[in-house]
């Protein structure tokens, strides 16, 4: 796959030579990806709008959905890094506002698309991803909670 890099808040260490030229919309953007980004957007409608203005066919992104979790939900961090939380309805609103459709696995993987895509497609992708992730965790273990706890300790 031919990926290009853009992050206004970080130095490009790993993708030198593959910087995206976002100065103008391009019909060549088949899919923009934004992993671990959506929950950091202070003005989601406007911030997603900057991605939609690039006229991609799809925007594939991750964020957990809020569905009434308690105040101790791990996604609510005390450091102010997660400033936006989404429901399926709010993502549908954003998609519709920009003339796109939403597909979601109703967990953490979402797709804004010009064409309708069925949710089951993303759910199938999630199942395959989880199968590979489970195999990896069985062999190497998981660092999700230990990494999260370490971040909390560093910021305390």
C-alpha atoms as a PDB file:
ATOM      1  CA  UNK A   1       0.000   0.000   0.000  1.00  0.00           C
ATOM      2  CA  UNK A   2       1.166   3.483  -0.744  1.00  0.00           C
ATOM      3  CA  UNK A   3       0.895   5.461   2.519  1.00  0.00           C
ATOM      4  CA  UNK A   4       1.928   9.056   3.188  1.00  0.00           C
ATOM      5  CA  UNK A   5       2.528  10.754   6.510  1.00  0.00           C
ATOM      6  CA  UNK A   6       0.994  13.859   8.035  1.00  0.00           C
ATOM      7  CA  UNK A   7       1.037  14.876  11.678  1.00  0.00           C
ATOM      8  CA  UNK A   8       1.218  18.574  12.578  1.00  0.00           C
ATOM      9  CA  UNK A   9       2.154  17.746  16.184  1.00  0.00           C
ATOM     10  CA  UNK A  10       5.014  15.284  15.769  1.00  0.00           C
ATOM     11  CA  UNK A  11       8.371  15.091  14.066  1.00  0.00           C
ATOM     12  CA  UNK A  12       8.418  12.670  11.140  1.00  0.00           C
ATOM     13  CA  UNK A  13      10.932  10.090  12.312  1.00  0.00           C
ATOM     14  CA  UNK A  14       9.793   6.924  10.579  1.00  0.00           C
ATOM     15  CA  UNK A  15       8.379   8.073   7.233  1.00  0.00           C
ATOM     16  CA  UNK A  16      10.999  10.493   5.908  1.00  0.00           C
ATOM     17  CA  UNK A  17      10.416  11.075   2.218  1.00  0.00           C
ATOM     18  CA  UNK A  18       6.761  10.092   2.457  1.00  0.00           C
ATOM     19  CA  UNK A  19       5.266  13.369   3.673  1.00  0.00           C
ATOM     20  CA  UNK A  20       1.787  14.069   2.319  1.00  0.00           C
ATOM     21  CA  UNK A  21       1.159  17.291   0.409  1.00  0.00           C
ATOM     22  CA  UNK A  22      -2.116  18.370   1.971  1.00  0.00           C
ATOM     23  CA  UNK A  23      -2.116  21.800   0.364  1.00  0.00           C
ATOM     24  CA  UNK A  24      -4.918  20.923  -2.015  1.00  0.00           C
ATOM     25  CA  UNK A  25      -7.730  18.364  -2.276  1.00  0.00           C
ATOM     26  CA  UNK A  26      -6.837  15.396  -4.408  1.00  0.00           C
ATOM     27  CA  UNK A  27      -9.094  12.767  -5.965  1.00  0.00           C
ATOM     28  CA  UNK A  28      -6.127  10.440  -5.513  1.00  0.00           C
ATOM     29  CA  UNK A  29      -6.702   9.955  -1.783  1.00  0.00           C
ATOM     30  CA  UNK A  30      -8.397   6.569  -1.726  1.00  0.00           C
ATOM     31  CA  UNK A  31      -8.316   6.245   2.051  1.00  0.00           C
ATOM     32  CA  UNK A  32      -7.102   8.395   4.908  1.00  0.00           C
ATOM     33  CA  UNK A  33      -6.313   6.610   8.156  1.00  0.00           C
ATOM     34  CA  UNK A  34      -6.411   8.151  11.617  1.00  0.00           C
ATOM     35  CA  UNK A  35      -5.633   5.737  14.430  1.00  0.00           C
ATOM     36  CA  UNK A  36      -5.610   7.014  18.010  1.00  0.00           C
ATOM     37  CA  UNK A  37      -6.538  10.479  16.729  1.00  0.00           C
ATOM     38  CA  UNK A  38     -10.304  11.081  17.046  1.00  0.00           C
ATOM     39  CA  UNK A  39     -10.366  11.184  20.851  1.00  0.00           C
ATOM     40  CA  UNK A  40      -7.764  13.980  20.773  1.00  0.00           C
ATOM     41  CA  UNK A  41      -9.739  16.369  18.512  1.00  0.00           C
ATOM     42  CA  UNK A  42     -10.908  19.467  20.424  1.00  0.00           C
ATOM     43  CA  UNK A  43     -13.505  20.397  17.764  1.00  0.00           C
ATOM     44  CA  UNK A  44     -14.474  17.105  16.060  1.00  0.00           C
ATOM     45  CA  UNK A  45     -16.850  18.508  13.448  1.00  0.00           C
ATOM     46  CA  UNK A  46     -14.298  21.096  12.309  1.00  0.00           C
ATOM     47  CA  UNK A  47     -11.269  18.819  12.741  1.00  0.00           C
ATOM     48  CA  UNK A  48     -12.813  15.935  10.784  1.00  0.00           C
ATOM     49  CA  UNK A  49     -13.825  18.570   8.244  1.00  0.00           C
ATOM     50  CA  UNK A  50     -10.151  19.173   7.500  1.00  0.00           C
ATOM     51  CA  UNK A  51      -9.880  15.501   6.510  1.00  0.00           C
ATOM     52  CA  UNK A  52     -13.103  15.580   4.484  1.00  0.00           C
ATOM     53  CA  UNK A  53     -11.811  18.674   2.639  1.00  0.00           C
ATOM     54  CA  UNK A  54      -9.094  16.446   1.168  1.00  0.00           C
ATOM     55  CA  UNK A  55     -11.900  14.609  -0.679  1.00  0.00           C
ATOM     56  CA  UNK A  56     -10.887  11.052   0.205  1.00  0.00           C
ATOM     57  CA  UNK A  57     -13.075   8.161  -0.842  1.00  0.00           C
ATOM     58  CA  UNK A  58     -12.781   6.703   2.685  1.00  0.00           C
ATOM     59  CA  UNK A  59     -11.570   7.707   6.135  1.00  0.00           C
ATOM     60  CA  UNK A  60     -10.711   4.707   8.313  1.00  0.00           C
ATOM     61  CA  UNK A  61     -10.192   5.538  11.975  1.00  0.00           C
ATOM     62  CA  UNK A  62     -10.268   4.164  15.467  1.00  0.00           C
ATOM     63  CA  UNK A  63     -11.882   5.369  18.654  1.00  0.00           C
ATOM     64  CA  UNK A  64     -13.860   3.581  21.336  1.00  0.00           C
ATOM     65  CA  UNK A  65     -17.547   4.406  21.505  1.00  0.00           C
ATOM     66  CA  UNK A  66     -19.132   5.899  24.576  1.00  0.00           C
ATOM     67  CA  UNK A  67     -22.262   4.081  25.695  1.00  0.00           C
ATOM     68  CA  UNK A  68     -22.741   5.192  29.280  1.00  0.00           C
ATOM     69  CA  UNK A  69     -19.536   3.825  30.800  1.00  0.00           C
ATOM     70  CA  UNK A  70     -18.853   4.721  34.432  1.00  0.00           C
ATOM     71  CA  UNK A  71     -16.490   7.509  35.452  1.00  0.00           C
ATOM     72  CA  UNK A  72     -13.696   4.970  36.025  1.00  0.00           C
ATOM     73  CA  UNK A  73     -13.690   3.890  32.345  1.00  0.00           C
ATOM     74  CA  UNK A  74     -10.017   3.689  31.419  1.00  0.00           C
ATOM     75  CA  UNK A  75     -10.616   5.805  28.292  1.00  0.00           C
ATOM     76  CA  UNK A  76     -11.396   8.781  30.531  1.00  0.00           C
ATOM     77  CA  UNK A  77      -7.865   9.806  31.363  1.00  0.00           C
ATOM     78  CA  UNK A  78      -6.997  12.424  33.957  1.00  0.00           C
ATOM     79  CA  UNK A  79      -4.341  13.992  31.751  1.00  0.00           C
ATOM     80  CA  UNK A  80      -6.696  15.813  29.378  1.00  0.00           C
ATOM     81  CA  UNK A  81      -5.389  13.991  26.309  1.00  0.00           C
ATOM     82  CA  UNK A  82      -8.747  12.422  25.476  1.00  0.00           C
ATOM     83  CA  UNK A  83     -11.008  15.414  24.942  1.00  0.00           C
ATOM     84  CA  UNK A  84     -13.692  13.984  22.627  1.00  0.00           C
ATOM     85  CA  UNK A  85     -15.895  10.948  23.086  1.00  0.00           C
ATOM     86  CA  UNK A  86     -18.236   9.600  20.450  1.00  0.00           C
ATOM     87  CA  UNK A  87     -21.421   7.625  20.172  1.00  0.00           C
ATOM     88  CA  UNK A  88     -22.446   5.927  16.967  1.00  0.00           C
ATOM     89  CA  UNK A  89     -25.044   8.645  16.507  1.00  0.00           C
ATOM     90  CA  UNK A  90     -22.454  11.428  16.770  1.00  0.00           C
ATOM     91  CA  UNK A  91     -20.266   9.717  14.148  1.00  0.00           C
ATOM     92  CA  UNK A  92     -23.292   9.328  11.874  1.00  0.00           C
ATOM     93  CA  UNK A  93     -23.958  13.052  12.295  1.00  0.00           C
ATOM     94  CA  UNK A  94     -20.385  13.946  11.310  1.00  0.00           C
ATOM     95  CA  UNK A  95     -20.510  11.628   8.292  1.00  0.00           C
ATOM     96  CA  UNK A  96     -23.860  12.985   7.100  1.00  0.00           C
ATOM     97  CA  UNK A  97     -22.734  16.589   7.619  1.00  0.00           C
ATOM     98  CA  UNK A  98     -19.981  16.030   5.055  1.00  0.00           C
ATOM     99  CA  UNK A  99     -22.001  13.854   2.667  1.00  0.00           C
ATOM    100  CA  UNK A 100     -20.446  10.551   3.727  1.00  0.00           C
ATOM    101  CA  UNK A 101     -21.791   7.334   5.221  1.00  0.00           C
ATOM    102  CA  UNK A 102     -20.660   5.614   8.405  1.00  0.00           C
ATOM    103  CA  UNK A 103     -19.795   1.977   8.805  1.00  0.00           C
ATOM    104  CA  UNK A 104     -18.749   0.796  12.249  1.00  0.00           C
ATOM    105  CA  UNK A 105     -17.940  -2.393  14.063  1.00  0.00           C
ATOM    106  CA  UNK A 106     -19.557  -0.608  17.068  1.00  0.00           C
ATOM    107  CA  UNK A 107     -16.364  -1.095  19.036  1.00  0.00           C
ATOM    108  CA  UNK A 108     -13.328   0.769  17.874  1.00  0.00           C
ATOM    109  CA  UNK A 109     -13.066   0.633  14.081  1.00  0.00           C
ATOM    110  CA  UNK A 110     -15.032   3.085  11.935  1.00  0.00           C
ATOM    111  CA  UNK A 111     -15.205   4.078   8.280  1.00  0.00           C
ATOM    112  CA  UNK A 112     -16.507   7.256   6.712  1.00  0.00           C
ATOM    113  CA  UNK A 113     -17.173   6.428   3.074  1.00  0.00           C
ATOM    114  CA  UNK A 114     -18.660   8.114   0.025  1.00  0.00           C
ATOM    115  CA  UNK A 115     -20.383   4.800  -0.748  1.00  0.00           C
ATOM    116  CA  UNK A 116     -22.398   2.757   1.706  1.00  0.00           C
ATOM    117  CA  UNK A 117     -20.355   0.017   3.341  1.00  0.00           C
ATOM    118  CA  UNK A 118     -22.039  -2.546   5.555  1.00  0.00           C
ATOM    119  CA  UNK A 119     -21.033  -2.727   9.211  1.00  0.00           C
ATOM    120  CA  UNK A 120     -20.447  -6.450   8.834  1.00  0.00           C
ATOM    121  CA  UNK A 121     -17.434  -5.728   6.601  1.00  0.00           C
ATOM    122  CA  UNK A 122     -15.714  -3.905   9.476  1.00  0.00           C
ATOM    123  CA  UNK A 123     -16.821  -6.566  11.953  1.00  0.00           C
ATOM    124  CA  UNK A 124     -15.205  -9.218   9.734  1.00  0.00           C
ATOM    125  CA  UNK A 125     -11.995  -7.170   9.616  1.00  0.00           C
ATOM    126  CA  UNK A 126     -12.110  -6.875  13.394  1.00  0.00           C
ATOM    127  CA  UNK A 127     -12.490 -10.652  13.797  1.00  0.00           C
ATOM    128  CA  UNK A 128      -9.450 -11.292  11.617  1.00  0.00           C
ATOM    129  CA  UNK A 129      -7.461  -8.625  13.487  1.00  0.00           C
ATOM    130  CA  UNK A 130      -8.451 -10.092  16.845  1.00  0.00           C
ATOM    131  CA  UNK A 131      -7.499 -13.585  15.717  1.00  0.00           C
ATOM    132  CA  UNK A 132      -3.995 -12.409  14.822  1.00  0.00           C
ATOM    133  CA  UNK A 133      -3.761 -10.278  17.973  1.00  0.00           C
ATOM    134  CA  UNK A 134      -4.764 -13.215  20.175  1.00  0.00           C
ATOM    135  CA  UNK A 135      -2.076 -15.354  18.583  1.00  0.00           C
ATOM    136  CA  UNK A 136       0.490 -12.599  19.203  1.00  0.00           C
ATOM    137  CA  UNK A 137      -0.604 -12.094  22.836  1.00  0.00           C
ATOM    138  CA  UNK A 138      -0.416 -15.831  23.468  1.00  0.00           C
ATOM    139  CA  UNK A 139       3.156 -15.876  22.227  1.00  0.00           C
ATOM    140  CA  UNK A 140       4.396 -12.515  23.562  1.00  0.00           C
ATOM    141  CA  UNK A 141       1.895 -11.367  26.183  1.00  0.00           C
ATOM    142  CA  UNK A 142       0.084  -8.037  26.317  1.00  0.00           C
ATOM    143  CA  UNK A 143       1.459  -4.705  27.466  1.00  0.00           C
ATOM    144  CA  UNK A 144      -1.747  -2.695  27.143  1.00  0.00           C
ATOM    145  CA  UNK A 145      -2.474  -2.307  30.852  1.00  0.00           C
ATOM    146  CA  UNK A 146       1.163  -2.046  31.941  1.00  0.00           C
ATOM    147  CA  UNK A 147       1.847   0.629  29.306  1.00  0.00           C
ATOM    148  CA  UNK A 148      -1.298   2.517  30.306  1.00  0.00           C
ATOM    149  CA  UNK A 149      -0.352   2.378  33.993  1.00  0.00           C
ATOM    150  CA  UNK A 150       3.156   3.583  33.172  1.00  0.00           C
ATOM    151  CA  UNK A 151       1.745   6.594  31.296  1.00  0.00           C
ATOM    152  CA  UNK A 152      -0.441   7.450  34.280  1.00  0.00           C
ATOM    153  CA  UNK A 153       2.560   7.200  36.642  1.00  0.00           C
ATOM    154  CA  UNK A 154       4.667   9.466  34.399  1.00  0.00           C
ATOM    155  CA  UNK A 155       1.963  12.092  34.290  1.00  0.00           C
ATOM    156  CA  UNK A 156       1.208  12.026  38.020  1.00  0.00           C
END
